[in-house]
């Protein structure tokens, strides 16, 4: 039968503690790496989304501007026509 001494218990507790710390550190560092990758991907996708929205908004306002020019052009023609009579 094996005898249990305070010396052996202390030694085993220290070894278990070291292993637990290494495992925890490894897990935490791995988690940080994964979180960083996800944040970078999210940042990239948000930037692309904002760029797309900006382009769509530019197209929309350009269309409005062109429509306004066409309306003013036709309105001026109409006013010129009626002012001649």
C-alpha atoms as a PDB file:
ATOM      1  CA  UNK A   1       0.000   0.000   0.000  1.00  0.00           C
ATOM      2  CA  UNK A   2       1.228   3.461  -0.894  1.00  0.00           C
ATOM      3  CA  UNK A   3       1.606   5.973   1.863  1.00  0.00           C
ATOM      4  CA  UNK A   4       0.348   9.482   1.373  1.00  0.00           C
ATOM      5  CA  UNK A   5       2.574  12.201   2.707  1.00  0.00           C
ATOM      6  CA  UNK A   6       2.164  15.949   2.812  1.00  0.00           C
ATOM      7  CA  UNK A   7       5.247  16.238   0.594  1.00  0.00           C
ATOM      8  CA  UNK A   8       3.716  14.076  -2.163  1.00  0.00           C
ATOM      9  CA  UNK A   9       0.382  15.877  -1.946  1.00  0.00           C
ATOM     10  CA  UNK A  10       2.077  19.263  -2.278  1.00  0.00           C
ATOM     11  CA  UNK A  11       4.139  18.073  -5.252  1.00  0.00           C
ATOM     12  CA  UNK A  12       1.128  16.604  -7.047  1.00  0.00           C
ATOM     13  CA  UNK A  13      -0.963  19.699  -6.343  1.00  0.00           C
ATOM     14  CA  UNK A  14       1.736  21.912  -7.849  1.00  0.00           C
ATOM     15  CA  UNK A  15       1.939  19.728 -10.983  1.00  0.00           C
ATOM     16  CA  UNK A  16      -1.829  19.730 -11.396  1.00  0.00           C
ATOM     17  CA  UNK A  17      -1.883  23.498 -10.915  1.00  0.00           C
ATOM     18  CA  UNK A  18       0.814  23.968 -13.606  1.00  0.00           C
ATOM     19  CA  UNK A  19      -1.107  21.784 -16.052  1.00  0.00           C
ATOM     20  CA  UNK A  20      -4.337  23.648 -15.315  1.00  0.00           C
ATOM     21  CA  UNK A  21      -2.628  27.004 -15.854  1.00  0.00           C
ATOM     22  CA  UNK A  22      -1.080  25.886 -19.151  1.00  0.00           C
ATOM     23  CA  UNK A  23      -4.398  24.510 -20.387  1.00  0.00           C
ATOM     24  CA  UNK A  24      -6.265  27.648 -19.333  1.00  0.00           C
ATOM     25  CA  UNK A  25      -3.675  29.914 -20.939  1.00  0.00           C
ATOM     26  CA  UNK A  26      -3.813  27.911 -24.155  1.00  0.00           C
ATOM     27  CA  UNK A  27      -7.612  28.076 -24.216  1.00  0.00           C
ATOM     28  CA  UNK A  28      -7.721  31.811 -23.489  1.00  0.00           C
ATOM     29  CA  UNK A  29      -5.105  32.646 -26.129  1.00  0.00           C
ATOM     30  CA  UNK A  30      -6.885  30.476 -28.681  1.00  0.00           C
ATOM     31  CA  UNK A  31     -10.164  32.222 -27.862  1.00  0.00           C
ATOM     32  CA  UNK A  32      -8.550  35.649 -28.280  1.00  0.00           C
ATOM     33  CA  UNK A  33      -7.209  34.636 -31.694  1.00  0.00           C
ATOM     34  CA  UNK A  34     -10.626  33.426 -32.812  1.00  0.00           C
ATOM     35  CA  UNK A  35     -12.343  36.551 -31.488  1.00  0.00           C
ATOM     36  CA  UNK A  36      -9.812  38.735 -33.302  1.00  0.00           C
ATOM     37  CA  UNK A  37     -10.437  36.898 -36.579  1.00  0.00           C
ATOM     38  CA  UNK A  38     -14.200  37.278 -36.178  1.00  0.00           C
ATOM     39  CA  UNK A  39     -13.836  40.993 -35.412  1.00  0.00           C
ATOM     40  CA  UNK A  40     -11.647  41.501 -38.485  1.00  0.00           C
ATOM     41  CA  UNK A  41     -14.151  39.669 -40.678  1.00  0.00           C
ATOM     42  CA  UNK A  42     -17.031  41.675 -39.200  1.00  0.00           C
ATOM     43  CA  UNK A  43     -15.111  44.904 -39.814  1.00  0.00           C
ATOM     44  CA  UNK A  44     -14.465  43.886 -43.421  1.00  0.00           C
ATOM     45  CA  UNK A  45     -18.113  42.982 -44.032  1.00  0.00           C
ATOM     46  CA  UNK A  46     -19.358  46.222 -42.454  1.00  0.00           C
ATOM     47  CA  UNK A  47     -17.013  48.272 -44.633  1.00  0.00           C
ATOM     48  CA  UNK A  48     -18.234  46.465 -47.752  1.00  0.00           C
ATOM     49  CA  UNK A  49     -21.834  47.003 -46.695  1.00  0.00           C
ATOM     50  CA  UNK A  50     -21.286  50.716 -46.126  1.00  0.00           C
ATOM     51  CA  UNK A  51     -19.511  51.067 -49.476  1.00  0.00           C
ATOM     52  CA  UNK A  52     -22.401  49.315 -51.225  1.00  0.00           C
ATOM     53  CA  UNK A  53     -24.936  51.558 -49.450  1.00  0.00           C
ATOM     54  CA  UNK A  54     -22.932  54.615 -50.432  1.00  0.00           C
ATOM     55  CA  UNK A  55     -22.941  53.575 -54.099  1.00  0.00           C
ATOM     56  CA  UNK A  56     -26.670  52.861 -54.026  1.00  0.00           C
ATOM     57  CA  UNK A  57     -27.354  56.210 -52.379  1.00  0.00           C
ATOM     58  CA  UNK A  58     -25.210  58.002 -54.982  1.00  0.00           C
ATOM     59  CA  UNK A  59     -27.142  56.297 -57.779  1.00  0.00           C
ATOM     60  CA  UNK A  60     -30.439  57.256 -56.171  1.00  0.00           C
ATOM     61  CA  UNK A  61     -29.518  60.919 -55.771  1.00  0.00           C
ATOM     62  CA  UNK A  62     -28.045  61.064 -59.277  1.00  0.00           C
ATOM     63  CA  UNK A  63     -31.356  59.762 -60.610  1.00  0.00           C
ATOM     64  CA  UNK A  64     -33.237  62.389 -58.632  1.00  0.00           C
ATOM     65  CA  UNK A  65     -30.922  65.098 -59.933  1.00  0.00           C
ATOM     66  CA  UNK A  66     -31.391  63.941 -63.541  1.00  0.00           C
ATOM     67  CA  UNK A  67     -35.155  63.848 -63.048  1.00  0.00           C
ATOM     68  CA  UNK A  68     -35.091  67.369 -61.658  1.00  0.00           C
ATOM     69  CA  UNK A  69     -33.080  68.610 -64.660  1.00  0.00           C
ATOM     70  CA  UNK A  70     -35.540  66.980 -67.051  1.00  0.00           C
ATOM     71  CA  UNK A  71     -38.539  68.501 -65.244  1.00  0.00           C
ATOM     72  CA  UNK A  72     -37.000  72.000 -65.300  1.00  0.00           C
ATOM     73  CA  UNK A  73     -36.101  71.623 -68.960  1.00  0.00           C
ATOM     74  CA  UNK A  74     -39.661  70.600 -69.877  1.00  0.00           C
ATOM     75  CA  UNK A  75     -41.163  73.239 -67.615  1.00  0.00           C
ATOM     76  CA  UNK A  76     -39.027  75.950 -69.234  1.00  0.00           C
ATOM     77  CA  UNK A  77     -40.088  74.754 -72.699  1.00  0.00           C
ATOM     78  CA  UNK A  78     -43.729  74.864 -71.625  1.00  0.00           C
ATOM     79  CA  UNK A  79     -43.388  78.320 -70.105  1.00  0.00           C
ATOM     80  CA  UNK A  80     -41.611  79.584 -73.239  1.00  0.00           C
ATOM     81  CA  UNK A  81     -44.392  78.181 -75.393  1.00  0.00           C
ATOM     82  CA  UNK A  82     -47.160  79.865 -73.390  1.00  0.00           C
ATOM     83  CA  UNK A  83     -45.280  83.149 -73.018  1.00  0.00           C
ATOM     84  CA  UNK A  84     -45.022  83.526 -76.820  1.00  0.00           C
ATOM     85  CA  UNK A  85     -48.798  83.721 -77.235  1.00  0.00           C
END
